[in-house]
């Protein structure tokens, strides 16, 4: 997908399937998926990971990786006790008897070999990954499930942890089925995995409890319950594989001070105090990427933001609800309107899209989906005239250490990327700083890099 290339390649050395450390009543029962989960069957797995420097002082370098892998394998087994759906596979329940028709997809842990742990090597350095202007294409190989869609979870693991050893570093990348988790749940698992690893390697023996246990019971709206009967007789009726175009990926950093100035400007121009730093940043990205694309003034354009629905529902879902509780909110305008007005105008439109994303609308969406189930097709959802901001700078990405100290960087894989896709990360230094991973064709990326308004906010 990316145009930058490096000659070295990732070599798989060994892999293991890991099951929960203990099994309990109900483990073998199917977990029925609600609309927000089921609609994701054609999306790619969620892929994100952390790059660590090898510790400078290692007592025995030859035993460092074997010891790390043993500790990761045992810690993963303990973590899966709390997040056991990730040890399963997807299963289709189907029966046909005359006019009666039943077709549904669920999570089944019965007879599953478990989650997958992979050890790989890469003859490159940390600098080889971080120094290039554009994210090297080899980063895509640091994750399992390359180009897989969630429906492939019928035969492939719902979770793989790939541990790739570099000459002077280690990359720990998770790929997780998007029918099972959204970004909030993804990082909830990652944080718990790190917590258990730290406790286990620190000599703690009672690991039956974690600081933030997940709520595993799936949420269905109102009195509706699973299983959901899909209007299909065969997966071929809805499975769709989207192939991303050739793109460049670049990480742009925005310091807390730069974001504060951007927020102040947006609020001043919109004559309000309600616009957030992230809304201001997204408005800047929307305007700048639209300008770089050189669309005609009458062209319609939009900006979509990922929205966590847990706290928006009435009554709210638990913040540790494990599953998909994700939607997108959208602001729209013509190119002429977007570029003819100021930053505050665009940021206010995004602010209104967020505040108007209410429980009533979410319940209505779910009820309508029950009546007319639709499986998303990324190729149809991709709008070449719009931009999409995914993930969140609020996720705890740099609090995961695995005995190697604070990560040097976070990186993502091939999954769910297209022209105009932006992934938000917290900045490594914290304090409210943000990194944006932007995916664009080479010519558009060059135009963005020459956009004075955008680059003035970027922090070197």
Protein backbone atom coordinates (compact mmCIF):
# COMPACT_ATOMS: atom_id res chain seq x y z
CA UNK A 1 0.00 0.00 0.00
CA UNK A 2 2.75 2.48 0.90
CA UNK A 3 5.29 3.47 -1.71
CA UNK A 4 8.39 3.46 0.51
CA UNK A 5 10.20 0.13 0.58
CA UNK A 6 13.06 -1.50 2.46
CA UNK A 7 14.90 -4.63 1.36
CA UNK A 8 14.75 -6.56 4.64
CA UNK A 9 11.74 -8.74 5.38
CA UNK A 10 10.12 -10.15 8.50
CA UNK A 11 10.87 -13.83 9.12
CA UNK A 12 8.49 -15.94 11.21
CA UNK A 13 10.56 -18.06 13.62
CA UNK A 14 7.88 -19.77 15.71
CA UNK A 15 4.30 -19.44 16.88
CA UNK A 16 2.03 -20.80 19.57
CA UNK A 17 -1.69 -20.94 20.23
CA UNK A 18 -2.56 -19.72 23.70
CA UNK A 19 -5.72 -20.53 25.64
CA UNK A 20 -6.96 -18.95 28.88
CA UNK A 21 -5.10 -20.07 31.98
CA UNK A 22 -8.32 -21.50 33.40
CA UNK A 23 -11.73 -22.40 31.99
CA UNK A 24 -15.00 -21.62 33.77
CA UNK A 25 -18.73 -22.41 33.32
CA UNK A 26 -20.20 -20.76 30.23
CA UNK A 27 -16.90 -20.67 28.36
CA UNK A 28 -18.28 -22.95 25.62
CA UNK A 29 -21.55 -21.03 25.10
CA UNK A 30 -21.90 -18.97 21.89
CA UNK A 31 -21.61 -15.19 22.25
CA UNK A 32 -24.22 -13.59 20.00
CA UNK A 33 -23.18 -10.39 18.26
CA UNK A 34 -25.32 -7.20 18.29
CA UNK A 35 -25.62 -4.82 15.30
CA UNK A 36 -22.49 -2.74 15.97
CA UNK A 37 -20.41 -5.93 15.96
CA UNK A 38 -22.15 -7.74 13.12
CA UNK A 39 -21.96 -4.77 10.73
CA UNK A 40 -18.14 -5.00 10.84
CA UNK A 41 -17.80 -8.41 9.13
CA UNK A 42 -16.13 -6.90 6.04
CA UNK A 43 -13.79 -4.52 7.86
CA UNK A 44 -10.15 -5.38 8.46
CA UNK A 45 -8.76 -6.44 11.82
CA UNK A 46 -7.64 -3.67 14.18
CA UNK A 47 -3.83 -3.50 13.97
CA UNK A 48 -1.67 -1.36 16.24
CA UNK A 49 1.50 -1.90 18.19
CA UNK A 50 4.42 -0.41 20.07
CA UNK A 51 8.12 -0.19 19.24
CA UNK A 52 10.52 -0.63 22.15
CA UNK A 53 14.28 -0.26 22.47
CA UNK A 54 16.00 -3.32 23.86
CA UNK A 55 17.14 -2.58 27.41
CA UNK A 56 20.69 -1.22 27.43
CA UNK A 57 21.74 -3.50 30.25
CA UNK A 58 20.69 -7.13 29.83
CA UNK A 59 22.29 -9.73 32.11
CA UNK A 60 22.34 -12.35 29.37
CA UNK A 61 21.56 -11.11 25.83
CA UNK A 62 21.15 -14.68 24.57
CA UNK A 63 18.31 -15.39 26.99
CA UNK A 64 16.58 -12.00 26.69
CA UNK A 65 14.18 -12.94 23.87
CA UNK A 66 13.40 -16.50 25.08
CA UNK A 67 12.64 -15.07 28.52
CA UNK A 68 10.50 -12.26 27.09
CA UNK A 69 8.53 -14.71 24.94
CA UNK A 70 7.95 -17.10 27.85
CA UNK A 71 6.71 -14.23 30.02
CA UNK A 72 4.48 -12.90 27.23
CA UNK A 73 3.01 -16.35 26.58
CA UNK A 74 2.17 -16.92 30.23
CA UNK A 75 0.87 -13.37 30.69
CA UNK A 76 -1.32 -13.72 27.59
CA UNK A 77 -2.82 -16.92 29.00
CA UNK A 78 -3.63 -15.08 32.24
CA UNK A 79 -5.06 -12.06 30.38
CA UNK A 80 -7.33 -14.24 28.26
CA UNK A 81 -9.07 -15.40 31.45
CA UNK A 82 -10.54 -11.90 31.65
CA UNK A 83 -10.94 -11.41 27.87
CA UNK A 84 -11.83 -14.97 26.88
CA UNK A 85 -13.83 -14.11 23.70
CA UNK A 86 -10.47 -13.31 22.08
CA UNK A 87 -9.50 -16.97 22.47
CA UNK A 88 -12.40 -18.10 20.26
CA UNK A 89 -13.33 -18.08 16.60
CA UNK A 90 -16.32 -16.80 14.68
CA UNK A 91 -18.97 -19.39 13.89
CA UNK A 92 -21.96 -19.28 11.56
CA UNK A 93 -25.11 -20.88 12.90
CA UNK A 94 -27.34 -21.89 10.04
CA UNK A 95 -30.39 -24.03 9.46
CA UNK A 96 -32.80 -24.34 6.58
CA UNK A 97 -36.10 -26.15 6.82
CA UNK A 98 -38.68 -25.26 4.21
CA UNK A 99 -39.49 -21.57 4.53
CA UNK A 100 -37.69 -21.29 7.82
CA UNK A 101 -34.32 -19.64 7.46
CA UNK A 102 -31.68 -18.91 10.08
CA UNK A 103 -28.24 -17.41 9.48
CA UNK A 104 -26.22 -15.71 12.22
CA UNK A 105 -22.61 -15.16 13.17
CA UNK A 106 -21.41 -15.52 16.76
CA UNK A 107 -18.22 -15.97 18.76
CA UNK A 108 -17.53 -19.55 19.81
CA UNK A 109 -14.74 -20.61 22.16
CA UNK A 110 -15.72 -24.27 21.98
CA UNK A 111 -12.88 -26.36 20.52
CA UNK A 112 -10.93 -23.22 19.56
CA UNK A 113 -7.12 -23.54 19.68
CA UNK A 114 -6.97 -20.06 21.23
CA UNK A 115 -5.23 -16.80 20.45
CA UNK A 116 -1.98 -16.80 18.48
CA UNK A 117 1.45 -15.62 19.64
CA UNK A 118 4.09 -15.18 16.92
CA UNK A 119 7.85 -14.66 17.24
CA UNK A 120 9.50 -13.07 14.22
CA UNK A 121 12.78 -11.38 13.38
CA UNK A 122 13.67 -8.39 11.22
CA UNK A 123 17.24 -7.52 10.23
CA UNK A 124 16.72 -3.78 10.74
CA UNK A 125 17.20 -1.20 13.48
CA UNK A 126 14.80 1.04 15.36
CA UNK A 127 16.21 3.95 13.34
CA UNK A 128 15.30 2.16 10.09
CA UNK A 129 11.67 2.24 11.23
CA UNK A 130 11.53 5.73 12.73
CA UNK A 131 13.95 7.83 10.66
CA UNK A 132 12.28 7.80 7.21
CA UNK A 133 9.86 10.62 6.49
CA UNK A 134 7.19 8.11 5.49
CA UNK A 135 6.28 4.98 7.42
CA UNK A 136 8.21 2.11 5.77
CA UNK A 137 6.07 -0.55 4.09
CA UNK A 138 7.79 -3.23 6.18
CA UNK A 139 5.76 -2.02 9.18
CA UNK A 140 2.76 -3.79 7.64
CA UNK A 141 4.62 -7.09 8.17
CA UNK A 142 4.86 -6.49 11.91
CA UNK A 143 1.25 -7.67 12.24
CA UNK A 144 -0.60 -10.90 11.60
CA UNK A 145 -3.82 -10.99 9.52
CA UNK A 146 -2.43 -8.86 6.69
CA UNK A 147 -5.41 -7.85 4.49
CA UNK A 148 -7.70 -10.25 6.39
CA UNK A 149 -11.31 -9.21 6.97
CA UNK A 150 -13.21 -9.97 10.14
CA UNK A 151 -15.24 -12.74 8.50
CA UNK A 152 -11.93 -14.62 8.20
CA UNK A 153 -12.15 -15.06 11.97
CA UNK A 154 -14.08 -18.25 11.22
CA UNK A 155 -10.74 -19.93 10.47
CA UNK A 156 -8.12 -17.47 11.76
CA UNK A 157 -7.41 -16.35 15.32
CA UNK A 158 -9.47 -13.47 16.67
CA UNK A 159 -6.29 -12.18 18.31
CA UNK A 160 -2.65 -12.48 17.36
CA UNK A 161 0.20 -10.91 19.30
CA UNK A 162 3.25 -10.70 17.02
CA UNK A 163 6.59 -10.07 18.70
CA UNK A 164 9.22 -8.99 16.16
CA UNK A 165 12.85 -8.76 17.24
CA UNK A 166 14.91 -6.03 15.57
CA UNK A 167 18.67 -5.63 15.94
CA UNK A 168 18.23 -3.12 18.77
CA UNK A 169 14.53 -3.21 19.49
CA UNK A 170 11.31 -5.18 19.84
CA UNK A 171 7.95 -4.47 18.23
CA UNK A 172 4.82 -5.87 19.91
CA UNK A 173 1.90 -5.67 17.50
CA UNK A 174 -1.63 -6.92 18.13
CA UNK A 175 -4.15 -7.67 15.41
CA UNK A 176 -7.66 -8.12 16.78
CA UNK A 177 -10.93 -8.96 15.07
CA UNK A 178 -13.03 -5.80 14.65
CA UNK A 179 -16.28 -7.74 15.15
CA UNK A 180 -15.07 -8.45 18.70
CA UNK A 181 -13.53 -5.08 19.64
CA UNK A 182 -13.46 -1.41 18.79
CA UNK A 183 -10.50 0.85 19.59
CA UNK A 184 -11.60 1.37 23.20
CA UNK A 185 -11.77 -2.38 23.84
CA UNK A 186 -8.56 -2.98 21.88
CA UNK A 187 -6.53 -0.73 24.17
CA UNK A 188 -8.39 -1.99 27.24
CA UNK A 189 -7.03 -5.45 26.44
CA UNK A 190 -3.55 -4.12 25.62
CA UNK A 191 -3.40 -2.20 28.93
CA UNK A 192 -4.53 -5.27 30.91
CA UNK A 193 -1.97 -7.44 29.09
CA UNK A 194 0.80 -5.04 30.09
CA UNK A 195 -0.51 -4.83 33.67
CA UNK A 196 -0.52 -8.61 34.06
CA UNK A 197 2.92 -8.91 32.44
CA UNK A 198 4.37 -6.37 34.87
CA UNK A 199 2.74 -8.11 37.84
CA UNK A 200 3.79 -11.59 36.73
CA UNK A 201 7.41 -10.66 36.04
CA UNK A 202 7.43 -8.67 39.27
CA UNK A 203 6.77 -11.83 41.25
CA UNK A 204 3.09 -11.30 42.08
CA UNK A 205 1.35 -14.67 42.50
CA UNK A 206 -2.35 -13.68 42.77
CA UNK A 207 -3.26 -12.66 39.22
CA UNK A 208 -6.95 -13.53 39.28
CA UNK A 209 -7.93 -9.86 39.41
CA UNK A 210 -7.03 -6.86 37.28
CA UNK A 211 -7.53 -3.18 38.01
CA UNK A 212 -10.12 -2.67 35.25
CA UNK A 213 -12.06 -5.89 34.43
CA UNK A 214 -14.13 -5.78 31.22
CA UNK A 215 -17.90 -6.11 30.94
CA UNK A 216 -18.26 -9.00 28.48
CA UNK A 217 -22.05 -9.21 28.15
CA UNK A 218 -23.02 -7.90 24.73
CA UNK A 219 -25.40 -4.91 24.58
CA UNK A 220 -28.62 -5.10 22.53
CA UNK A 221 -31.04 -2.15 22.30
CA UNK A 222 -34.26 -2.22 24.31
CA UNK A 223 -35.85 -5.65 24.57
CA UNK A 224 -34.03 -6.96 21.50
CA UNK A 225 -31.72 -9.90 22.05
CA UNK A 226 -29.54 -12.14 19.94
CA UNK A 227 -29.11 -14.10 17.89
CA UNK A 228 -29.68 -11.81 14.90
CA UNK A 229 -31.00 -13.56 11.81
CA UNK A 230 -29.12 -12.15 8.82
CA UNK A 231 -30.94 -12.04 5.45
CA UNK A 232 -28.36 -14.26 3.74
CA UNK A 233 -27.92 -17.90 2.88
CA UNK A 234 -24.22 -17.79 2.06
CA UNK A 235 -21.24 -15.59 2.98
CA UNK A 236 -20.68 -14.88 -0.70
CA UNK A 237 -23.76 -12.65 -0.61
CA UNK A 238 -22.08 -10.08 1.66
CA UNK A 239 -18.32 -10.71 1.90
CA UNK A 240 -16.42 -7.91 0.17
CA UNK A 241 -12.65 -7.34 0.17
CA UNK A 242 -11.41 -3.77 -0.31
CA UNK A 243 -7.91 -3.27 -1.76
CA UNK A 244 -6.31 -0.01 -0.65
CA UNK A 245 -4.72 2.20 -3.33
CA UNK A 246 -1.01 3.08 -3.29
CA UNK A 247 -0.56 5.53 -0.44
CA UNK A 248 2.10 7.30 1.56
CA UNK A 249 1.80 7.34 5.35
CA UNK A 250 3.38 10.06 7.44
CA UNK A 251 3.26 10.87 11.15
CA UNK A 252 2.72 14.58 11.93
CA UNK A 253 3.31 15.74 15.51
CA UNK A 254 1.39 18.51 17.28
CA UNK A 255 2.63 19.72 20.66
CA UNK A 256 0.31 20.68 23.48
CA UNK A 257 1.27 24.34 22.95
CA UNK A 258 0.49 24.19 19.23
CA UNK A 259 -2.89 22.58 19.93
CA UNK A 260 -3.72 25.17 22.57
CA UNK A 261 -3.06 27.93 20.04
CA UNK A 262 -5.16 26.13 17.44
CA UNK A 263 -8.04 25.73 19.91
CA UNK A 264 -7.87 29.39 20.93
CA UNK A 265 -7.93 30.45 17.29
CA UNK A 266 -10.90 28.24 16.40
CA UNK A 267 -12.95 29.42 19.39
CA UNK A 268 -12.09 33.06 18.73
CA UNK A 269 -13.09 32.82 15.09
CA UNK A 270 -16.33 30.97 15.91
CA UNK A 271 -17.08 33.32 18.83
CA UNK A 272 -17.50 30.48 21.31
CA UNK A 273 -15.55 28.60 23.98
CA UNK A 274 -16.98 25.13 23.28
CA UNK A 275 -14.69 23.82 20.53
CA UNK A 276 -12.15 21.24 21.75
CA UNK A 277 -8.49 20.95 20.80
CA UNK A 278 -9.15 17.77 18.83
CA UNK A 279 -12.10 19.29 16.95
CA UNK A 280 -9.84 22.23 16.04
CA UNK A 281 -7.12 19.86 14.83
CA UNK A 282 -9.57 17.80 12.77
CA UNK A 283 -10.93 20.98 11.19
CA UNK A 284 -7.38 22.00 10.26
CA UNK A 285 -6.76 18.58 8.72
CA UNK A 286 -10.05 18.64 6.81
CA UNK A 287 -9.35 22.08 5.34
CA UNK A 288 -5.70 21.40 4.56
CA UNK A 289 -6.20 17.99 2.92
CA UNK A 290 -9.12 19.36 0.89
CA UNK A 291 -6.96 22.24 -0.30
CA UNK A 292 -4.17 19.79 -1.18
CA UNK A 293 -6.56 17.69 -3.25
CA UNK A 294 -7.46 20.68 -5.44
CA UNK A 295 -11.16 19.83 -5.77
CA UNK A 296 -13.50 22.27 -7.56
CA UNK A 297 -15.42 24.69 -5.33
CA UNK A 298 -18.81 23.06 -5.95
CA UNK A 299 -17.63 19.61 -4.92
CA UNK A 300 -19.26 18.26 -1.73
CA UNK A 301 -16.82 17.16 0.95
CA UNK A 302 -17.11 15.77 4.47
CA UNK A 303 -15.16 15.03 7.62
CA UNK A 304 -15.97 11.98 9.74
CA UNK A 305 -14.84 11.38 13.32
CA UNK A 306 -14.96 8.10 15.23
CA UNK A 307 -17.29 8.39 18.22
CA UNK A 308 -17.34 6.22 21.34
CA UNK A 309 -21.02 5.57 22.09
CA UNK A 310 -20.64 4.12 25.60
CA UNK A 311 -21.28 7.35 27.50
CA UNK A 312 -23.74 8.68 24.93
CA UNK A 313 -26.40 6.01 25.47
CA UNK A 314 -29.14 6.52 28.06
CA UNK A 315 -28.58 4.75 30.35
CA UNK A 316 -24.88 4.76 29.50
CA UNK A 317 -22.86 1.62 28.89
CA UNK A 318 -20.00 0.89 31.21
CA UNK A 319 -16.78 2.59 30.06
CA UNK A 320 -15.22 -0.91 30.14
CA UNK A 321 -17.92 -2.49 27.94
CA UNK A 322 -16.03 -4.98 25.74
CA UNK A 323 -17.18 -4.97 22.13
CA UNK A 324 -18.05 -2.43 19.47
CA UNK A 325 -19.79 0.72 20.67
CA UNK A 326 -18.54 2.82 17.81
CA UNK A 327 -20.11 5.12 15.22
CA UNK A 328 -18.92 7.98 13.07
CA UNK A 329 -20.20 11.55 13.11
CA UNK A 330 -19.98 13.66 9.97
CA UNK A 331 -19.82 17.32 9.05
CA UNK A 332 -20.26 18.32 5.41
CA UNK A 333 -19.82 21.36 3.18
CA UNK A 334 -18.89 22.27 -0.34
CA UNK A 335 -15.20 22.86 -0.99
CA UNK A 336 -15.97 26.51 -1.61
CA UNK A 337 -17.70 26.86 1.76
CA UNK A 338 -14.97 24.97 3.64
CA UNK A 339 -12.07 26.96 2.18
CA UNK A 340 -13.94 30.23 1.86
CA UNK A 341 -14.61 30.37 5.60
CA UNK A 342 -12.12 30.26 8.47
CA UNK A 343 -10.91 27.46 10.76
CA UNK A 344 -13.50 28.30 13.42
CA UNK A 345 -16.33 27.82 10.93
CA UNK A 346 -15.18 24.28 10.10
CA UNK A 347 -14.44 23.43 13.73
CA UNK A 348 -17.92 24.58 14.79
CA UNK A 349 -19.52 22.29 12.22
CA UNK A 350 -17.54 19.37 13.69
CA UNK A 351 -18.52 20.42 17.21
CA UNK A 352 -22.21 20.41 16.26
CA UNK A 353 -21.87 16.97 14.66
CA UNK A 354 -20.44 15.64 17.94
CA UNK A 355 -23.00 17.22 20.31
CA UNK A 356 -25.91 16.13 18.09
CA UNK A 357 -24.76 12.50 18.27
CA UNK A 358 -27.35 11.45 20.86
CA UNK A 359 -28.74 8.33 22.49
CA UNK A 360 -32.00 8.68 20.59
CA UNK A 361 -30.23 8.56 17.26
CA UNK A 362 -28.11 5.59 18.34
CA UNK A 363 -31.15 3.58 19.46
CA UNK A 364 -32.97 4.40 16.22
CA UNK A 365 -29.95 3.23 14.18
CA UNK A 366 -29.89 -0.09 16.04
CA UNK A 367 -33.64 -0.63 15.70
CA UNK A 368 -33.50 0.09 11.98
CA UNK A 369 -30.55 -2.27 11.58
CA UNK A 370 -32.55 -5.08 13.19
CA UNK A 371 -35.26 -4.54 10.56
CA UNK A 372 -32.82 -4.27 7.66
CA UNK A 373 -29.34 -5.66 8.53
CA UNK A 374 -26.52 -4.21 6.47
CA UNK A 375 -22.89 -5.36 6.46
CA UNK A 376 -20.55 -2.44 5.80
CA UNK A 377 -18.49 -2.52 2.61
CA UNK A 378 -15.36 -0.44 2.96
CA UNK A 379 -15.18 0.18 -0.78
CA UNK A 380 -18.66 1.72 -0.71
CA UNK A 381 -18.04 3.68 2.49
CA UNK A 382 -14.79 5.18 1.17
CA UNK A 383 -15.52 8.71 -0.07
CA UNK A 384 -12.58 10.08 -2.11
CA UNK A 385 -13.75 13.65 -1.42
CA UNK A 386 -13.84 13.34 2.38
CA UNK A 387 -11.50 12.61 5.26
CA UNK A 388 -11.90 10.19 8.18
CA UNK A 389 -10.32 10.52 11.63
CA UNK A 390 -10.08 7.20 13.47
CA UNK A 391 -8.71 5.99 16.82
CA UNK A 392 -8.29 8.50 19.67
CA UNK A 393 -5.49 10.50 21.31
CA UNK A 394 -7.12 9.61 24.64
CA UNK A 395 -6.19 5.92 24.47
CA UNK A 396 -3.46 4.83 26.89
CA UNK A 397 -0.85 3.68 24.38
CA UNK A 398 2.39 4.68 26.07
CA UNK A 399 1.56 3.23 29.48
CA UNK A 400 2.36 -0.30 28.25
CA UNK A 401 5.94 -1.25 29.02
CA UNK A 402 6.44 -5.07 29.04
CA UNK A 403 9.66 -4.75 31.02
CA UNK A 404 11.36 -2.58 28.39
CA UNK A 405 10.43 0.89 29.55
CA UNK A 406 8.29 3.39 27.67
CA UNK A 407 7.72 2.65 23.99
CA UNK A 408 9.55 4.75 21.41
CA UNK A 409 6.59 4.96 19.04
CA UNK A 410 3.20 3.54 18.15
CA UNK A 411 2.55 2.28 14.63
CA UNK A 412 -0.36 0.63 12.80
CA UNK A 413 -0.64 -1.93 10.01
CA UNK A 414 -2.32 -2.10 6.63
CA UNK A 415 -5.83 -2.43 8.00
CA UNK A 416 -8.73 -0.08 7.22
CA UNK A 417 -6.70 2.54 5.37
CA UNK A 418 -7.64 4.56 2.32
CA UNK A 419 -7.03 7.95 0.73
CA UNK A 420 -7.87 10.50 3.41
CA UNK A 421 -7.71 8.16 6.43
CA UNK A 422 -6.17 9.74 9.52
CA UNK A 423 -5.30 7.83 12.70
CA UNK A 424 -4.91 9.77 15.94
CA UNK A 425 -2.35 8.86 18.62
CA UNK A 426 -1.35 10.53 21.86
CA UNK A 427 2.05 12.18 21.54
CA UNK A 428 4.82 10.25 23.25
CA UNK A 429 5.67 13.16 25.59
CA UNK A 430 2.06 13.30 26.83
CA UNK A 431 0.63 16.54 28.15
CA UNK A 432 -2.13 16.62 25.56
CA UNK A 433 0.14 16.37 22.51
CA UNK A 434 -1.19 14.45 19.49
CA UNK A 435 0.29 12.56 16.54
CA UNK A 436 -1.69 12.17 13.32
CA UNK A 437 -0.89 9.34 10.91
CA UNK A 438 -2.15 10.60 7.53
CA UNK A 439 -2.62 8.39 4.45
CA UNK A 440 -2.59 10.12 1.05
CA UNK A 441 -1.35 9.52 -2.50
CA UNK A 442 2.16 10.90 -3.08
CA UNK A 443 1.11 14.02 -5.03
CA UNK A 444 -1.53 14.98 -2.43
CA UNK A 445 0.92 14.35 0.41
CA UNK A 446 3.46 16.66 -1.24
CA UNK A 447 0.80 19.37 -1.52
CA UNK A 448 -0.13 18.93 2.16
CA UNK A 449 3.54 19.22 3.15
CA UNK A 450 3.60 22.57 1.32
CA UNK A 451 0.39 23.83 2.93
CA UNK A 452 1.42 26.84 5.03
CA UNK A 453 -1.57 26.75 7.42
CA UNK A 454 -1.14 23.06 8.18
CA UNK A 455 2.64 23.00 8.54
CA UNK A 456 2.59 26.07 10.78
CA UNK A 457 0.78 23.95 13.39
CA UNK A 458 3.04 20.90 12.99
CA UNK A 459 5.74 20.61 15.66
CA UNK A 460 9.14 19.27 14.61
